[in-house]
Amino acid sequence: MLFADPWAFGWDTLVAIGTLTLAVVTAIVAGFTYRVAGKTSELAEKTSELATATQADVAAQFRPVIAPDRTPLSDPPQWWYEGRDGQRVCALANIGHGPALDVLVRVPGSDQTHRVANVIGVDRTPERVTLRPPIQPDVGGGFTILVEYLSVGGDRYESEIAYAQRPSTVRQEGDPPRLVRVTTLKRGP
């Protein structure tokens, strides 16, 4: 009887059975480890995506936006008025959620570059900008002002503020130009 005595197989057979059992258990553990590693990789990817989205969210919460301010500069209230010697004065305010740093105003088609302020805070206090003539009109008599600034995070933004003259049939002397659009773009880090 072969099975009557378990030691009849000999030590070599027992070592072989033990090794085979160990190999099967190792393969099972390796399979579980592979699945766990795959899940960990997926979680790491999702965590990275979440971190990127959170970073963009935080940056957006502190993003400045410079636009024309509509608080009174003169009586009647206007956001734009004629100054001395043909100068034009406009008010800019930060309507975003973070301070604007190193604020520069440029008028395309001229050599005018004005440093408005080192910082325009989020308290909506307008900064006055005096533009000297001549301001070259675009086609149709409008013109554009470019405002460049940085966010606290060091991102560079540009607000393009476009104005248009009112049609001569409805324009009265001293009428301010009409605000057409304000476009704010992120220009890079």
C-alpha atoms as a PDB file:
ATOM      1  CA  MET A   1       0.000   0.000   0.000  1.00  0.00           C
ATOM      2  CA  LEU A   2       1.401   3.135  -1.207  1.00  0.00           C
ATOM      3  CA  PHE A   3      -0.845   5.468   0.819  1.00  0.00           C
ATOM      4  CA  ALA A   4      -0.657   3.550   4.075  1.00  0.00           C
ATOM      5  CA  ASP A   5       2.672   5.073   4.977  1.00  0.00           C
ATOM      6  CA  PRO A   6       2.924   8.815   4.178  1.00  0.00           C
ATOM      7  CA  TRP A   7       6.699   8.658   4.556  1.00  0.00           C
ATOM      8  CA  ALA A   8       6.893   6.117   1.724  1.00  0.00           C
ATOM      9  CA  PHE A   9       7.079   8.935  -0.801  1.00  0.00           C
ATOM     10  CA  GLY A  10      10.251  10.188   0.753  1.00  0.00           C
ATOM     11  CA  TRP A  11      11.552  13.591   1.670  1.00  0.00           C
ATOM     12  CA  ASP A  12      12.039  14.607  -1.962  1.00  0.00           C
ATOM     13  CA  THR A  13       8.338  14.194  -2.677  1.00  0.00           C
ATOM     14  CA  LEU A  14       7.332  16.198   0.411  1.00  0.00           C
ATOM     15  CA  VAL A  15       9.737  18.991  -0.503  1.00  0.00           C
ATOM     16  CA  ALA A  16       8.326  19.015  -4.047  1.00  0.00           C
ATOM     17  CA  ILE A  17       4.721  19.233  -2.769  1.00  0.00           C
ATOM     18  CA  GLY A  18       5.700  22.036  -0.356  1.00  0.00           C
ATOM     19  CA  THR A  19       7.503  23.927  -3.095  1.00  0.00           C
ATOM     20  CA  LEU A  20       4.536  23.547  -5.445  1.00  0.00           C
ATOM     21  CA  THR A  21       2.167  24.790  -2.720  1.00  0.00           C
ATOM     22  CA  LEU A  22       4.445  27.733  -2.027  1.00  0.00           C
ATOM     23  CA  ALA A  23       4.580  28.553  -5.757  1.00  0.00           C
ATOM     24  CA  VAL A  24       0.768  28.516  -6.011  1.00  0.00           C
ATOM     25  CA  VAL A  25       0.404  30.755  -2.934  1.00  0.00           C
ATOM     26  CA  THR A  26       3.088  33.106  -4.319  1.00  0.00           C
ATOM     27  CA  ALA A  27       1.226  33.317  -7.644  1.00  0.00           C
ATOM     28  CA  ILE A  28      -2.023  34.140  -5.827  1.00  0.00           C
ATOM     29  CA  VAL A  29      -0.297  36.846  -3.744  1.00  0.00           C
ATOM     30  CA  ALA A  30       1.347  38.206  -6.906  1.00  0.00           C
ATOM     31  CA  GLY A  31      -2.084  38.436  -8.585  1.00  0.00           C
ATOM     32  CA  PHE A  32      -3.518  40.331  -5.618  1.00  0.00           C
ATOM     33  CA  THR A  33      -0.477  42.614  -5.559  1.00  0.00           C
ATOM     34  CA  TYR A  34      -0.897  43.319  -9.286  1.00  0.00           C
ATOM     35  CA  ARG A  35      -4.560  44.258  -8.775  1.00  0.00           C
ATOM     36  CA  VAL A  36      -3.723  46.466  -5.778  1.00  0.00           C
ATOM     37  CA  ALA A  37      -0.934  48.153  -7.765  1.00  0.00           C
ATOM     38  CA  GLY A  38      -3.388  48.828 -10.605  1.00  0.00           C
ATOM     39  CA  LYS A  39      -5.908  50.352  -8.203  1.00  0.00           C
ATOM     40  CA  THR A  40      -3.147  52.399  -6.555  1.00  0.00           C
ATOM     41  CA  SER A  41      -2.094  53.709  -9.962  1.00  0.00           C
ATOM     42  CA  GLU A  42      -5.690  54.714 -10.740  1.00  0.00           C
ATOM     43  CA  LEU A  43      -5.996  56.445  -7.362  1.00  0.00           C
ATOM     44  CA  ALA A  44      -2.708  58.273  -7.908  1.00  0.00           C
ATOM     45  CA  GLU A  45      -3.943  59.486 -11.300  1.00  0.00           C
ATOM     46  CA  LYS A  46      -7.239  60.682  -9.850  1.00  0.00           C
ATOM     47  CA  THR A  47      -5.408  62.382  -6.988  1.00  0.00           C
ATOM     48  CA  SER A  48      -3.165  64.176  -9.477  1.00  0.00           C
ATOM     49  CA  GLU A  49      -6.204  65.329 -11.475  1.00  0.00           C
ATOM     50  CA  LEU A  50      -7.876  66.528  -8.296  1.00  0.00           C
ATOM     51  CA  ALA A  51      -4.744  68.401  -7.215  1.00  0.00           C
ATOM     52  CA  THR A  52      -4.557  70.135 -10.605  1.00  0.00           C
ATOM     53  CA  ALA A  53      -8.236  71.099 -10.427  1.00  0.00           C
ATOM     54  CA  THR A  54      -7.794  72.356  -6.871  1.00  0.00           C
ATOM     55  CA  GLN A  55      -4.770  74.421  -7.881  1.00  0.00           C
ATOM     56  CA  ALA A  56      -6.761  75.996 -10.735  1.00  0.00           C
ATOM     57  CA  ASP A  57      -9.645  76.637  -8.326  1.00  0.00           C
ATOM     58  CA  VAL A  58      -7.406  78.351  -5.795  1.00  0.00           C
ATOM     59  CA  ALA A  59      -5.767  80.439  -8.535  1.00  0.00           C
ATOM     60  CA  ALA A  60      -9.200  81.495  -9.808  1.00  0.00           C
ATOM     61  CA  GLN A  61     -10.252  82.535  -6.314  1.00  0.00           C
ATOM     62  CA  PHE A  62      -7.391  85.040  -6.159  1.00  0.00           C
ATOM     63  CA  ARG A  63      -7.507  86.182  -9.793  1.00  0.00           C
ATOM     64  CA  PRO A  64      -7.586  89.930 -10.376  1.00  0.00           C
ATOM     65  CA  VAL A  65      -9.724  91.486 -13.121  1.00  0.00           C
ATOM     66  CA  ILE A  66      -9.171  95.112 -14.088  1.00  0.00           C
ATOM     67  CA  ALA A  67     -12.145  96.855 -15.710  1.00  0.00           C
ATOM     68  CA  PRO A  68     -13.515 100.387 -16.006  1.00  0.00           C
ATOM     69  CA  ASP A  69     -14.966 101.639 -12.759  1.00  0.00           C
ATOM     70  CA  ARG A  70     -18.399 103.178 -12.865  1.00  0.00           C
ATOM     71  CA  THR A  71     -18.175 105.244  -9.685  1.00  0.00           C
ATOM     72  CA  PRO A  72     -18.445 109.001 -10.115  1.00  0.00           C
ATOM     73  CA  LEU A  73     -15.365 110.864 -11.314  1.00  0.00           C
ATOM     74  CA  SER A  74     -17.309 114.026 -12.034  1.00  0.00           C
ATOM     75  CA  ASP A  75     -20.789 115.382 -11.828  1.00  0.00           C
ATOM     76  CA  PRO A  76     -22.831 113.904 -13.529  1.00  0.00           C
ATOM     77  CA  PRO A  77     -21.251 110.522 -12.731  1.00  0.00           C
ATOM     78  CA  GLN A  78     -19.181 109.152 -15.584  1.00  0.00           C
ATOM     79  CA  TRP A  79     -16.385 106.615 -15.802  1.00  0.00           C
ATOM     80  CA  TRP A  80     -14.690 108.760 -18.424  1.00  0.00           C
ATOM     81  CA  TYR A  81     -14.288 112.491 -18.793  1.00  0.00           C
ATOM     82  CA  GLU A  82     -12.308 115.098 -20.657  1.00  0.00           C
ATOM     83  CA  GLY A  83      -9.431 116.571 -18.686  1.00  0.00           C
ATOM     84  CA  ARG A  84      -7.261 119.604 -19.331  1.00  0.00           C
ATOM     85  CA  ASP A  85      -5.530 120.134 -22.677  1.00  0.00           C
ATOM     86  CA  GLY A  86      -7.489 117.375 -24.390  1.00  0.00           C
ATOM     87  CA  GLN A  87      -6.431 114.763 -21.876  1.00  0.00           C
ATOM     88  CA  ARG A  88      -8.852 111.983 -21.141  1.00  0.00           C
ATOM     89  CA  VAL A  89      -9.239 110.530 -17.684  1.00  0.00           C
ATOM     90  CA  CYS A  90     -10.706 107.123 -17.001  1.00  0.00           C
ATOM     91  CA  ALA A  91     -11.030 105.133 -13.832  1.00  0.00           C
ATOM     92  CA  LEU A  92      -9.982 101.511 -13.520  1.00  0.00           C
ATOM     93  CA  ALA A  93     -10.919  99.214 -10.661  1.00  0.00           C
ATOM     94  CA  ASN A  94     -10.129  95.668  -9.686  1.00  0.00           C
ATOM     95  CA  ILE A  95     -13.388  93.721  -9.834  1.00  0.00           C
ATOM     96  CA  GLY A  96     -11.667  90.371  -9.273  1.00  0.00           C
ATOM     97  CA  HIS A  97     -10.942  88.483  -6.068  1.00  0.00           C
ATOM     98  CA  GLY A  98      -7.202  89.043  -5.769  1.00  0.00           C
ATOM     99  CA  PRO A  99      -4.923  92.061  -5.912  1.00  0.00           C
ATOM    100  CA  ALA A 100      -3.482  93.176  -9.246  1.00  0.00           C
ATOM    101  CA  LEU A 101       0.252  93.844  -9.156  1.00  0.00           C
ATOM    102  CA  ASP A 102       2.470  95.979 -11.434  1.00  0.00           C
ATOM    103  CA  VAL A 103      -0.446  97.504 -13.324  1.00  0.00           C
ATOM    104  CA  LEU A 104       0.479  99.080 -16.679  1.00  0.00           C
ATOM    105  CA  VAL A 105      -1.838 100.801 -19.152  1.00  0.00           C
ATOM    106  CA  ARG A 106      -0.922 100.959 -22.829  1.00  0.00           C
ATOM    107  CA  VAL A 107      -2.698 102.683 -25.679  1.00  0.00           C
ATOM    108  CA  PRO A 108      -2.092 100.799 -28.939  1.00  0.00           C
ATOM    109  CA  GLY A 109      -0.960 103.033 -31.787  1.00  0.00           C
ATOM    110  CA  SER A 110       0.762 105.456 -29.451  1.00  0.00           C
ATOM    111  CA  ASP A 111       3.847 105.550 -27.283  1.00  0.00           C
ATOM    112  CA  GLN A 112       1.769 105.855 -24.130  1.00  0.00           C
ATOM    113  CA  THR A 113       2.516 103.457 -21.318  1.00  0.00           C
ATOM    114  CA  HIS A 114       1.356 104.436 -17.835  1.00  0.00           C
ATOM    115  CA  ARG A 115       2.284 102.706 -14.613  1.00  0.00           C
ATOM    116  CA  VAL A 116      -0.991 102.970 -12.777  1.00  0.00           C
ATOM    117  CA  ALA A 117      -0.083 101.369  -9.481  1.00  0.00           C
ATOM    118  CA  ASN A 118       2.108  98.768  -7.871  1.00  0.00           C
ATOM    119  CA  VAL A 119      -1.010  97.209  -6.372  1.00  0.00           C
ATOM    120  CA  ILE A 120      -4.717  97.643  -7.047  1.00  0.00           C
ATOM    121  CA  GLY A 121      -6.503  95.915  -4.217  1.00  0.00           C
ATOM    122  CA  VAL A 122      -9.878  94.255  -4.144  1.00  0.00           C
ATOM    123  CA  ASP A 123     -11.537  97.105  -2.257  1.00  0.00           C
ATOM    124  CA  ARG A 124     -12.914  98.514  -5.551  1.00  0.00           C
ATOM    125  CA  THR A 125     -11.132 101.857  -5.063  1.00  0.00           C
ATOM    126  CA  PRO A 126     -10.745 103.293  -8.569  1.00  0.00           C
ATOM    127  CA  GLU A 127      -7.375 104.316  -9.952  1.00  0.00           C
ATOM    128  CA  ARG A 128      -7.449 107.297 -12.297  1.00  0.00           C
ATOM    129  CA  VAL A 129      -5.515 107.088 -15.531  1.00  0.00           C
ATOM    130  CA  THR A 130      -4.814 110.243 -17.516  1.00  0.00           C
ATOM    131  CA  LEU A 131      -4.245 109.641 -21.218  1.00  0.00           C
ATOM    132  CA  ARG A 132      -2.717 112.425 -23.227  1.00  0.00           C
ATOM    133  CA  PRO A 133      -3.663 113.181 -26.824  1.00  0.00           C
ATOM    134  CA  PRO A 134      -3.508 112.044 -29.467  1.00  0.00           C
ATOM    135  CA  ILE A 135      -5.317 108.783 -28.958  1.00  0.00           C
ATOM    136  CA  GLN A 136      -5.452 107.137 -32.355  1.00  0.00           C
ATOM    137  CA  PRO A 137      -8.964 105.934 -33.064  1.00  0.00           C
ATOM    138  CA  ASP A 138      -9.638 102.520 -34.527  1.00  0.00           C
ATOM    139  CA  VAL A 139     -11.826 102.091 -37.553  1.00  0.00           C
ATOM    140  CA  GLY A 140     -15.167 103.616 -36.660  1.00  0.00           C
ATOM    141  CA  GLY A 141     -13.726 106.132 -34.213  1.00  0.00           C
ATOM    142  CA  GLY A 142     -13.313 103.786 -31.260  1.00  0.00           C
ATOM    143  CA  PHE A 143     -10.121 103.004 -29.414  1.00  0.00           C
ATOM    144  CA  THR A 144      -8.649 100.365 -27.145  1.00  0.00           C
ATOM    145  CA  ILE A 145      -6.791 100.489 -23.850  1.00  0.00           C
ATOM    146  CA  LEU A 146      -4.671  97.512 -22.785  1.00  0.00           C
ATOM    147  CA  VAL A 147      -4.116  96.946 -19.071  1.00  0.00           C
ATOM    148  CA  GLU A 148      -1.368  94.488 -18.120  1.00  0.00           C
ATOM    149  CA  TYR A 149      -0.978  93.157 -14.573  1.00  0.00           C
ATOM    150  CA  LEU A 150       0.148  90.222 -12.451  1.00  0.00           C
ATOM    151  CA  SER A 151      -1.694  88.105  -9.917  1.00  0.00           C
ATOM    152  CA  VAL A 152      -0.278  87.206  -6.524  1.00  0.00           C
ATOM    153  CA  GLY A 153       0.649  83.800  -7.955  1.00  0.00           C
ATOM    154  CA  GLY A 154       2.754  85.478 -10.673  1.00  0.00           C
ATOM    155  CA  ASP A 155       0.330  84.817 -13.542  1.00  0.00           C
ATOM    156  CA  ARG A 156       0.288  87.564 -16.188  1.00  0.00           C
ATOM    157  CA  TYR A 157      -3.101  88.951 -17.310  1.00  0.00           C
ATOM    158  CA  GLU A 158      -4.207  91.498 -19.849  1.00  0.00           C
ATOM    159  CA  SER A 159      -7.535  93.324 -19.950  1.00  0.00           C
ATOM    160  CA  GLU A 160      -8.487  94.792 -23.301  1.00  0.00           C
ATOM    161  CA  ILE A 161     -10.982  97.624 -22.853  1.00  0.00           C
ATOM    162  CA  ALA A 162     -12.629  98.717 -26.108  1.00  0.00           C
ATOM    163  CA  TYR A 163     -14.515 101.983 -26.478  1.00  0.00           C
ATOM    164  CA  ALA A 164     -16.599 103.302 -29.361  1.00  0.00           C
ATOM    165  CA  GLN A 165     -17.719 106.812 -30.147  1.00  0.00           C
ATOM    166  CA  ARG A 166     -21.432 107.384 -30.109  1.00  0.00           C
ATOM    167  CA  PRO A 167     -22.938 108.049 -33.523  1.00  0.00           C
ATOM    168  CA  SER A 168     -22.733 111.734 -34.400  1.00  0.00           C
ATOM    169  CA  THR A 169     -26.519 111.909 -34.684  1.00  0.00           C
ATOM    170  CA  VAL A 170     -27.000 111.194 -30.968  1.00  0.00           C
ATOM    171  CA  ARG A 171     -23.659 112.420 -29.565  1.00  0.00           C
ATOM    172  CA  GLN A 172     -23.640 115.662 -27.650  1.00  0.00           C
ATOM    173  CA  GLU A 173     -20.610 117.745 -26.810  1.00  0.00           C
ATOM    174  CA  GLY A 174     -18.692 116.173 -23.927  1.00  0.00           C
ATOM    175  CA  ASP A 175     -20.377 112.758 -24.249  1.00  0.00           C
ATOM    176  CA  PRO A 176     -17.995 110.045 -23.120  1.00  0.00           C
ATOM    177  CA  PRO A 177     -17.235 107.209 -25.485  1.00  0.00           C
ATOM    178  CA  ARG A 178     -19.354 104.105 -25.072  1.00  0.00           C
ATOM    179  CA  LEU A 179     -17.807 101.053 -23.427  1.00  0.00           C
ATOM    180  CA  VAL A 180     -18.052  98.208 -25.924  1.00  0.00           C
ATOM    181  CA  ARG A 181     -16.330  95.285 -24.238  1.00  0.00           C
ATOM    182  CA  VAL A 182     -13.833  94.224 -21.636  1.00  0.00           C
ATOM    183  CA  THR A 183     -11.860  91.068 -22.375  1.00  0.00           C
ATOM    184  CA  THR A 184      -9.478  89.603 -19.828  1.00  0.00           C
ATOM    185  CA  LEU A 185      -6.962  86.989 -20.910  1.00  0.00           C
ATOM    186  CA  LYS A 186      -4.309  85.066 -19.079  1.00  0.00           C
ATOM    187  CA  ARG A 187      -1.038  85.717 -20.898  1.00  0.00           C
ATOM    188  CA  GLY A 188       1.131  83.212 -19.057  1.00  0.00           C
ATOM    189  CA  PRO A 189       2.959  82.591 -15.824  1.00  0.00           C
END
